[in-house]
Amino acid sequence: MAMNNDQTDTMQAWIDRRRYADGYAGAAFNSNSVDSEYQRDRARIIHSSSFRRLQSKTQIFSIGDSDFYRTRLTHSLEVAQIGSGICEQLRQQYAQNPEYSAWIPSMSLIEAICLGHDLGHPPFGHGGEVALNAYMHLYGGFEGNGQTLRIIGRLGEYSPEHGLDLSRRTMLGLLKYPVLHREVASYGEVPPMTLTNIDHAKPPKCIHDDEADILDWILAPLIAADKQRFRQFKPVPGRHARSSYQGFDTSIMELADDIAYGVHDLEDALALELVTERQWNTLVMAQAAELPGTPLCQNAGFYNSKLFAGNDRDRKHAISKLVGYFIGNIVISEQQKFTAPLLRLQAEMRPEARALLDILKKFVFDEVIRRPQIQALEFKGQQMIMRLFSTLLENPERLLPAAQLAQWRGSAEPRRVICDYIASMTDIYATRLYNRLFNPDIGSVFDRL
């Protein structure tokens, strides 16, 4: 189906920016094509301070424990590579379908979305996220994906007021949960805050209440019915509600993120010998045997021998084949309730491949992330974040750096300033600041905060 003029106009609307930032860094066009706007988005993300800080933020394992495993930065690079692979496979698969082909994101666009998807994650992973929300759940909330939107739309350094000032379509792709904190939060009866247990403060998947205006701007090209449906959410008894929909580009990024989590984080666990072949056979291969079309069933001997061969070359061979299998099993489906192609189209994995990926993700979560050694590291980081927040909140004039202090003095919600400051820290910086403030043997007048 060829695109009509309305579709062309809509596609043009998605390259708009909140402020045309000519004269600011990264404003030069590489060409006059639509893709040049997405090249600019990718460049702004790569050169942003938030992206650089991902090199010292936790993926699963604590920074400094090894020089092999992934950080948030290397994870983001791998998600971008997988995302571009998905788009290339979809382009080939739907070459004879002009409507689908027209909306498959370019390499620049999907790389920008995938590279930027973790910009808002705070130090110490999800433990740090819960710690910040413990202080912010009554003040608009804190959630890592919500902070990503805040960075690209408000805090980033490429425009005075509109953050990285990315194109509307890139921002839509980064919008994983198009609902506000106040709409979906359900904390129940919140117990008195303690440093040792803040599980009640786990945030809903959402954006912060402060970014309602950015959400409105992103969704402006949509017709009212699409906009209303896209922002729907499902109540969950006794828990936070969940958003119901995501955009086409987001669905591609989410699949790439899932593959990186289920396969590449598995590779880290195998390389560091955190899981045994017995665990693998019992918890993964036994279930994979019931999925006859999957590689772990068809070539069980190959994968067992390669993954546990004890050398990087054999292990990487098996990991690469798994990634290729998952990418090759992604198709485009349609959500018929939407008019806009960016909402109607969805990337999804074929059921048997999806079932295998879910087995791998659960294995990584249960046998790696939930192991006491990893949880102890997360808990320790959480305690540092909690104490830093309370101390800065009570002593802003004494302890905040000059730039943050100026923002704090002029802010209608000073807690958000402190939250932004801590969320931007790397694991290493947060640890150093903690030691300077609370370790009597560390700290000097020459230290820079």
Protein backbone atom coordinates (compact mmCIF):
# COMPACT_ATOMS: atom_id res chain seq x y z
CA MET A 1 0.00 0.00 0.00
CA ALA A 2 1.52 3.34 -1.03
CA MET A 3 1.62 6.19 1.44
CA ASN A 4 -0.95 8.93 0.94
CA ASN A 5 -0.32 12.62 1.60
CA ASP A 6 -1.68 12.42 5.16
CA GLN A 7 0.85 9.70 5.98
CA THR A 8 3.65 11.78 4.47
CA ASP A 9 2.61 14.80 6.53
CA THR A 10 2.48 12.67 9.66
CA MET A 11 5.94 11.27 9.00
CA GLN A 12 7.23 14.83 8.60
CA ALA A 13 5.68 15.80 11.96
CA TRP A 14 7.75 13.13 13.73
CA ILE A 15 11.05 14.83 12.87
CA ASP A 16 10.03 18.04 14.67
CA ARG A 17 11.92 19.21 17.74
CA ARG A 18 10.66 21.22 20.70
CA ARG A 19 13.15 23.93 19.83
CA TYR A 20 15.00 24.11 16.54
CA ALA A 21 18.47 24.38 18.05
CA ASP A 22 20.50 25.75 15.14
CA GLY A 23 23.67 27.26 16.54
CA TYR A 24 23.98 24.70 19.31
CA ALA A 25 26.41 21.82 19.24
CA GLY A 26 25.40 19.04 16.90
CA ALA A 27 23.05 21.25 14.87
CA ALA A 28 24.76 20.87 11.50
CA PHE A 29 22.96 18.66 9.02
CA ASN A 30 24.90 15.77 7.52
CA SER A 31 22.53 16.00 4.54
CA ASN A 32 19.07 17.27 3.71
CA SER A 33 17.43 13.86 4.15
CA VAL A 34 14.98 12.93 6.88
CA ASP A 35 17.59 10.53 8.24
CA SER A 36 19.97 13.42 8.90
CA GLU A 37 17.69 14.41 11.79
CA TYR A 38 18.12 10.97 13.29
CA GLN A 39 21.86 11.12 12.68
CA ARG A 40 21.84 14.29 14.73
CA ASP A 41 19.85 12.56 17.49
CA ARG A 42 22.34 9.69 17.59
CA ALA A 43 25.27 12.10 17.73
CA ARG A 44 23.74 14.10 20.58
CA ILE A 45 23.14 10.95 22.60
CA ILE A 46 26.64 9.59 22.02
CA HIS A 47 28.28 12.90 22.95
CA SER A 48 26.08 13.59 25.97
CA SER A 49 27.50 13.40 29.48
CA SER A 50 24.69 11.01 30.47
CA PHE A 51 25.81 8.51 27.84
CA ARG A 52 29.47 8.69 28.88
CA ARG A 53 28.55 8.05 32.49
CA LEU A 54 27.03 4.70 31.53
CA GLN A 55 30.58 3.32 31.35
CA SER A 56 30.66 3.40 35.17
CA LYS A 57 27.11 2.33 35.95
CA THR A 58 26.11 -1.18 36.95
CA GLN A 59 24.48 -3.58 34.51
CA ILE A 60 24.47 -6.65 36.78
CA PHE A 61 27.92 -6.96 38.32
CA SER A 62 29.58 -4.33 40.48
CA ILE A 63 32.02 -2.03 38.72
CA GLY A 64 35.60 -3.10 39.42
CA ASP A 65 34.95 -6.78 40.13
CA SER A 66 36.24 -7.77 36.68
CA ASP A 67 37.27 -6.16 33.40
CA PHE A 68 35.18 -8.55 31.29
CA TYR A 69 31.51 -8.15 32.11
CA ARG A 70 29.12 -5.59 30.74
CA THR A 71 28.39 -2.12 32.05
CA ARG A 72 25.35 -0.04 31.11
CA LEU A 73 27.45 1.44 28.31
CA THR A 74 28.53 -1.83 26.69
CA HIS A 75 24.99 -3.15 27.18
CA SER A 76 23.61 -0.10 25.34
CA LEU A 77 26.07 -0.60 22.47
CA GLU A 78 24.98 -4.22 22.15
CA VAL A 79 21.30 -3.29 22.23
CA ALA A 80 21.98 -0.80 19.40
CA GLN A 81 23.76 -3.47 17.34
CA ILE A 82 20.93 -5.97 17.88
CA GLY A 83 18.31 -3.30 17.15
CA SER A 84 19.95 -2.42 13.84
CA GLY A 85 20.09 -6.14 13.01
CA ILE A 86 16.37 -6.47 13.69
CA CYS A 87 15.57 -3.53 11.41
CA GLU A 88 17.74 -4.88 8.60
CA GLN A 89 16.05 -8.29 8.87
CA LEU A 90 12.61 -6.65 8.82
CA ARG A 91 13.55 -4.56 5.77
CA GLN A 92 14.47 -7.70 3.88
CA GLN A 93 11.43 -9.63 5.11
CA TYR A 94 8.97 -6.88 4.16
CA ALA A 95 10.66 -5.51 1.05
CA GLN A 96 7.46 -6.10 -0.91
CA ASN A 97 5.26 -4.34 1.64
CA PRO A 98 5.69 -0.57 1.09
CA GLU A 99 3.54 0.43 4.06
CA TYR A 100 5.60 -1.60 6.52
CA SER A 101 8.90 -0.73 4.86
CA ALA A 102 8.21 2.99 5.04
CA TRP A 103 7.93 2.90 8.84
CA ILE A 104 10.78 0.53 9.70
CA PRO A 105 13.28 2.83 11.46
CA SER A 106 16.54 3.71 9.73
CA MET A 107 19.85 2.59 11.19
CA SER A 108 20.47 6.07 12.62
CA LEU A 109 17.05 6.19 14.26
CA ILE A 110 17.04 2.75 15.86
CA GLU A 111 20.63 3.21 17.04
CA ALA A 112 19.72 6.53 18.63
CA ILE A 113 16.78 4.92 20.46
CA CYS A 114 18.76 1.88 21.59
CA LEU A 115 21.83 3.88 22.65
CA GLY A 116 19.63 6.23 24.66
CA HIS A 117 17.31 3.72 26.32
CA ASP A 118 19.28 3.52 29.60
CA LEU A 119 20.39 7.16 29.96
CA GLY A 120 18.25 7.68 33.05
CA HIS A 121 19.34 4.68 35.08
CA PRO A 122 20.86 5.80 38.40
CA PRO A 123 23.95 4.37 40.12
CA PHE A 124 23.73 0.83 41.52
CA GLY A 125 21.06 -0.40 39.15
CA HIS A 126 17.51 -1.02 40.27
CA GLY A 127 18.52 -0.79 43.93
CA GLY A 128 19.46 2.85 43.34
CA GLU A 129 16.18 3.38 41.50
CA VAL A 130 14.15 2.16 44.49
CA ALA A 131 16.24 4.26 46.88
CA LEU A 132 15.59 7.46 44.94
CA ASN A 133 11.88 6.69 44.64
CA ALA A 134 11.71 6.20 48.41
CA TYR A 135 12.35 9.95 48.66
CA MET A 136 10.36 10.93 45.55
CA HIS A 137 7.20 8.80 45.54
CA LEU A 138 5.22 11.65 47.13
CA TYR A 139 6.83 14.22 44.81
CA GLY A 140 6.18 12.96 41.27
CA GLY A 141 8.12 9.70 41.52
CA PHE A 142 11.44 8.41 40.25
CA GLU A 143 11.85 5.66 37.67
CA GLY A 144 14.84 5.00 35.41
CA ASN A 145 12.93 5.17 32.14
CA GLY A 146 11.14 8.28 33.36
CA GLN A 147 14.52 9.84 34.09
CA THR A 148 15.60 9.02 30.52
CA LEU A 149 12.72 11.15 29.22
CA ARG A 150 13.67 13.88 31.69
CA ILE A 151 17.26 13.91 30.41
CA ILE A 152 16.42 13.98 26.72
CA GLY A 153 13.58 16.47 27.15
CA ARG A 154 14.77 18.76 29.94
CA LEU A 155 18.21 18.21 31.50
CA GLY A 156 20.53 17.39 28.60
CA GLU A 157 23.12 19.90 27.51
CA TYR A 158 22.19 20.62 23.86
CA SER A 159 19.57 23.31 24.40
CA PRO A 160 18.84 25.74 27.24
CA GLU A 161 15.39 24.39 28.14
CA HIS A 162 14.70 21.23 26.16
CA GLY A 163 17.54 18.90 27.04
CA LEU A 164 19.04 17.00 24.12
CA ASP A 165 16.19 18.40 21.99
CA LEU A 166 15.76 15.20 20.02
CA SER A 167 13.27 14.68 17.22
CA ARG A 168 9.75 13.72 18.19
CA ARG A 169 10.00 10.21 16.72
CA THR A 170 13.21 9.42 18.62
CA MET A 171 11.56 10.59 21.82
CA LEU A 172 8.49 8.46 21.09
CA GLY A 173 10.80 5.48 20.62
CA LEU A 174 12.37 6.13 24.02
CA LEU A 175 8.93 6.44 25.65
CA LYS A 176 8.53 2.93 27.03
CA TYR A 177 5.68 3.75 29.41
CA PRO A 178 3.40 6.62 28.27
CA VAL A 179 1.72 7.06 31.66
CA LEU A 180 2.35 9.43 34.57
CA HIS A 181 3.42 8.33 38.03
CA ARG A 182 0.29 9.71 39.65
CA GLU A 183 -1.90 7.73 37.24
CA VAL A 184 -0.47 4.27 37.92
CA ALA A 185 1.17 4.43 41.37
CA SER A 186 -0.41 2.30 44.10
CA TYR A 187 1.85 1.98 47.14
CA GLY A 188 -0.81 0.88 49.57
CA GLU A 189 -0.09 1.55 53.23
CA VAL A 190 3.48 2.84 53.24
CA PRO A 191 5.42 1.84 56.38
CA PRO A 192 7.80 4.31 58.08
CA MET A 193 10.96 4.67 55.99
CA THR A 194 13.99 2.76 57.22
CA LEU A 195 17.42 2.35 55.68
CA THR A 196 17.25 -1.42 55.75
CA ASN A 197 14.01 -2.20 53.91
CA ILE A 198 12.43 0.03 51.29
CA ASP A 199 10.83 -2.62 49.09
CA HIS A 200 7.55 -0.74 49.37
CA ALA A 201 9.13 2.07 47.34
CA LYS A 202 9.57 0.10 44.11
CA PRO A 203 8.28 2.51 41.46
CA PRO A 204 5.70 1.80 38.79
CA LYS A 205 6.87 1.73 35.18
CA CYS A 206 6.06 5.29 34.22
CA ILE A 207 7.31 8.78 33.56
CA HIS A 208 7.52 11.41 36.29
CA ASP A 209 4.63 13.78 36.87
CA ASP A 210 7.00 16.67 36.12
CA GLU A 211 7.27 15.56 32.47
CA ALA A 212 3.55 15.71 31.61
CA ASP A 213 4.19 18.62 29.22
CA ILE A 214 6.88 16.66 27.36
CA LEU A 215 4.51 13.71 26.98
CA ASP A 216 1.86 16.02 25.54
CA TRP A 217 4.35 17.38 23.01
CA ILE A 218 5.51 13.93 21.90
CA LEU A 219 1.94 12.76 21.27
CA ALA A 220 0.77 15.98 19.59
CA PRO A 221 0.62 14.58 16.00
CA LEU A 222 -1.76 11.77 17.02
CA ILE A 223 -5.51 11.99 16.60
CA ALA A 224 -7.42 12.20 19.87
CA ALA A 225 -8.60 8.57 19.82
CA ASP A 226 -5.07 7.22 19.27
CA LYS A 227 -3.68 9.46 21.97
CA GLN A 228 -6.30 8.42 24.51
CA ARG A 229 -5.90 4.70 23.80
CA PHE A 230 -2.10 4.86 23.78
CA ARG A 231 -2.14 6.28 27.31
CA GLN A 232 -4.39 3.58 28.74
CA PHE A 233 -3.20 1.39 31.59
CA LYS A 234 -4.33 -1.81 33.33
CA PRO A 235 -5.04 -1.90 37.07
CA VAL A 236 -3.28 -4.70 38.98
CA PRO A 237 -4.86 -5.60 42.33
CA GLY A 238 -2.54 -4.71 45.20
CA ARG A 239 0.18 -3.41 42.87
CA HIS A 240 0.99 -0.55 40.54
CA ALA A 241 -1.06 -0.32 37.35
CA ARG A 242 0.72 -1.07 34.07
CA SER A 243 0.72 0.83 30.80
CA SER A 244 -0.96 -1.05 27.95
CA TYR A 245 0.80 0.09 24.78
CA GLN A 246 4.09 1.15 23.28
CA GLY A 247 5.15 2.47 19.87
CA PHE A 248 6.54 0.51 16.93
CA ASP A 249 10.13 1.71 17.38
CA THR A 250 9.93 1.02 21.10
CA SER A 251 8.83 -2.54 20.44
CA ILE A 252 11.98 -3.10 18.36
CA MET A 253 14.20 -1.58 21.04
CA GLU A 254 12.51 -3.67 23.75
CA LEU A 255 13.15 -6.88 21.80
CA ALA A 256 16.79 -5.90 21.33
CA ASP A 257 17.05 -5.16 25.06
CA ASP A 258 15.48 -8.53 25.93
CA ILE A 259 17.89 -10.39 23.65
CA ALA A 260 20.87 -8.57 25.15
CA TYR A 261 19.62 -9.36 28.65
CA GLY A 262 18.80 -12.99 28.02
CA VAL A 263 21.82 -13.88 25.90
CA HIS A 264 24.68 -11.45 26.52
CA ASP A 265 24.15 -11.24 30.28
CA LEU A 266 24.08 -15.04 30.22
CA GLU A 267 27.48 -14.88 28.55
CA ASP A 268 28.83 -12.82 31.45
CA ALA A 269 27.55 -15.37 33.94
CA LEU A 270 29.14 -18.25 32.01
CA ALA A 271 32.47 -16.46 31.58
CA LEU A 272 32.67 -15.67 35.29
CA GLU A 273 31.63 -19.25 36.15
CA LEU A 274 28.62 -18.14 38.17
CA VAL A 275 26.41 -20.90 36.81
CA THR A 276 27.22 -24.57 36.41
CA GLU A 277 26.55 -26.94 33.55
CA ARG A 278 24.27 -28.89 35.86
CA GLN A 279 22.17 -25.79 36.57
CA TRP A 280 22.06 -25.09 32.83
CA ASN A 281 20.88 -28.58 31.94
CA THR A 282 18.30 -28.70 34.71
CA LEU A 283 16.82 -25.22 34.37
CA VAL A 284 17.27 -24.42 30.67
CA MET A 285 17.93 -27.47 28.50
CA ALA A 286 15.18 -29.57 30.08
CA GLN A 287 12.63 -26.88 29.16
CA ALA A 288 14.19 -26.21 25.75
CA ALA A 289 13.72 -29.89 24.90
CA GLU A 290 9.99 -29.17 24.74
CA LEU A 291 10.55 -26.49 22.05
CA PRO A 292 11.47 -28.65 19.03
CA GLY A 293 12.03 -25.81 16.57
CA THR A 294 14.61 -24.00 18.70
CA PRO A 295 18.40 -24.38 18.39
CA LEU A 296 18.86 -25.51 22.00
CA CYS A 297 16.62 -28.47 21.22
CA GLN A 298 17.87 -29.25 17.72
CA ASN A 299 21.58 -28.81 18.53
CA ALA A 300 21.79 -29.41 22.27
CA GLY A 301 25.21 -31.05 22.07
CA PHE A 302 26.72 -28.13 20.14
CA TYR A 303 25.46 -25.52 22.61
CA ASN A 304 26.44 -27.47 25.71
CA SER A 305 29.96 -28.06 24.42
CA LYS A 306 30.51 -24.51 23.19
CA LEU A 307 28.99 -22.62 26.12
CA PHE A 308 30.95 -24.62 28.69
CA ALA A 309 34.15 -25.11 26.69
CA GLY A 310 36.02 -22.73 28.98
CA ASN A 311 37.29 -20.37 26.27
CA ASP A 312 35.93 -17.14 24.86
CA ARG A 313 36.04 -18.21 21.20
CA ASP A 314 33.77 -21.24 21.53
CA ARG A 315 31.41 -19.48 23.91
CA LYS A 316 31.11 -16.46 21.61
CA HIS A 317 30.36 -18.74 18.65
CA ALA A 318 27.34 -20.19 20.46
CA ILE A 319 26.20 -16.82 21.81
CA SER A 320 26.32 -15.26 18.31
CA LYS A 321 24.25 -18.08 16.84
CA LEU A 322 21.63 -17.64 19.55
CA VAL A 323 21.40 -13.90 18.89
CA GLY A 324 21.03 -14.57 15.16
CA TYR A 325 18.24 -17.07 15.83
CA PHE A 326 16.24 -14.59 17.91
CA ILE A 327 16.68 -11.74 15.42
CA GLY A 328 15.57 -14.00 12.59
CA ASN A 329 12.32 -14.82 14.38
CA ILE A 330 11.00 -11.27 14.69
CA VAL A 331 8.02 -10.21 12.59
CA ILE A 332 5.69 -7.22 12.28
CA SER A 333 2.14 -7.47 13.59
CA GLU A 334 -0.65 -4.89 13.83
CA GLN A 335 -2.67 -3.43 16.69
CA GLN A 336 -5.88 -2.76 14.80
CA LYS A 337 -7.20 -0.28 17.35
CA PHE A 338 -4.78 2.44 16.21
CA THR A 339 -4.75 4.66 13.14
CA ALA A 340 -1.16 5.98 13.33
CA PRO A 341 1.35 3.51 11.83
CA LEU A 342 3.87 4.21 14.60
CA LEU A 343 1.34 2.84 17.09
CA ARG A 344 -0.50 0.32 14.92
CA LEU A 345 2.62 -1.57 13.84
CA GLN A 346 4.45 -3.72 16.39
CA ALA A 347 7.55 -5.89 16.25
CA GLU A 348 7.11 -9.21 18.00
CA MET A 349 8.99 -12.49 18.31
CA ARG A 350 7.48 -15.74 17.07
CA PRO A 351 5.99 -17.73 19.97
CA GLU A 352 8.52 -20.57 20.18
CA ALA A 353 11.50 -18.21 20.03
CA ARG A 354 9.81 -15.96 22.60
CA ALA A 355 9.34 -18.93 24.91
CA LEU A 356 13.04 -19.82 24.66
CA LEU A 357 14.12 -16.23 25.31
CA ASP A 358 11.88 -16.08 28.37
CA ILE A 359 13.53 -19.27 29.68
CA LEU A 360 16.96 -17.66 29.29
CA LYS A 361 15.85 -14.40 30.93
CA LYS A 362 14.37 -16.25 33.89
CA PHE A 363 17.54 -18.29 34.25
CA VAL A 364 19.68 -15.13 34.36
CA PHE A 365 17.33 -13.50 36.84
CA ASP A 366 16.95 -16.47 39.19
CA GLU A 367 20.49 -17.84 39.12
CA VAL A 368 22.51 -14.63 38.75
CA ILE A 369 20.66 -11.46 39.68
CA ARG A 370 18.87 -13.00 42.68
CA ARG A 371 21.93 -14.72 44.11
CA PRO A 372 22.86 -13.31 47.56
CA GLN A 373 26.26 -11.98 46.44
CA ILE A 374 24.65 -9.77 43.76
CA GLN A 375 21.82 -8.72 46.06
CA ALA A 376 24.35 -7.74 48.75
CA LEU A 377 26.09 -5.40 46.30
CA GLU A 378 22.77 -3.88 45.28
CA PHE A 379 21.77 -3.48 48.92
CA LYS A 380 25.05 -1.74 49.76
CA GLY A 381 24.63 0.70 46.88
CA GLN A 382 21.06 1.34 47.94
CA GLN A 383 22.18 2.26 51.44
CA MET A 384 24.70 4.75 50.06
CA ILE A 385 22.05 6.41 47.89
CA MET A 386 19.64 6.65 50.82
CA ARG A 387 22.17 8.28 53.10
CA LEU A 388 23.44 10.65 50.41
CA PHE A 389 19.90 11.81 49.64
CA SER A 390 18.94 12.42 53.27
CA THR A 391 22.20 14.25 53.98
CA LEU A 392 21.98 16.50 50.92
CA LEU A 393 18.31 17.17 51.62
CA GLU A 394 19.13 18.36 55.14
CA ASN A 395 22.35 20.23 54.24
CA PRO A 396 21.97 21.64 50.72
CA GLU A 397 23.68 24.98 51.41
CA ARG A 398 26.75 23.25 52.82
CA LEU A 399 27.14 20.27 50.51
CA LEU A 400 25.60 20.83 47.08
CA PRO A 401 28.01 21.89 44.30
CA ALA A 402 27.52 25.43 43.01
CA ALA A 403 25.51 24.52 39.91
CA GLN A 404 23.11 22.26 41.81
CA LEU A 405 22.83 24.77 44.66
CA ALA A 406 21.75 27.49 42.23
CA GLN A 407 19.10 25.15 40.81
CA TRP A 408 17.99 24.16 44.30
CA ARG A 409 17.52 27.78 45.35
CA GLY A 410 15.40 28.57 42.29
CA SER A 411 13.38 25.37 42.11
CA ALA A 412 9.72 24.99 43.02
CA GLU A 413 10.55 21.38 43.92
CA PRO A 414 14.06 21.27 45.44
CA ARG A 415 13.87 17.51 46.07
CA ARG A 416 13.87 16.97 42.32
CA VAL A 417 17.15 18.87 42.02
CA ILE A 418 18.81 16.59 44.56
CA CYS A 419 17.28 13.55 42.87
CA ASP A 420 18.62 14.63 39.46
CA TYR A 421 22.07 15.19 40.96
CA ILE A 422 22.27 11.75 42.56
CA ALA A 423 20.68 9.97 39.59
CA SER A 424 23.37 11.40 37.31
CA MET A 425 26.21 9.96 39.41
CA THR A 426 28.19 6.93 38.37
CA ASP A 427 28.67 4.08 40.82
CA ILE A 428 32.25 5.23 41.33
CA TYR A 429 31.39 8.90 41.92
CA ALA A 430 28.58 8.05 44.35
CA THR A 431 30.94 5.78 46.30
CA ARG A 432 33.63 8.48 46.46
CA LEU A 433 31.16 11.12 47.60
CA TYR A 434 29.81 8.77 50.24
CA ASN A 435 33.33 8.09 51.53
CA ARG A 436 34.22 11.79 51.58
CA LEU A 437 31.17 12.58 53.67
CA PHE A 438 31.14 9.63 56.04
CA ASN A 439 34.60 8.06 56.16
CA PRO A 440 36.83 10.08 58.54
CA ASP A 441 40.00 8.91 56.80
CA ILE A 442 38.97 10.06 53.31
CA GLY A 443 38.54 13.60 52.03
CA SER A 444 40.58 16.70 51.40
CA VAL A 445 39.98 20.38 50.89
CA PHE A 446 41.27 19.81 47.35
CA ASP A 447 38.57 17.24 46.52
CA ARG A 448 36.04 18.41 43.94
CA LEU A 449 32.41 17.54 44.55
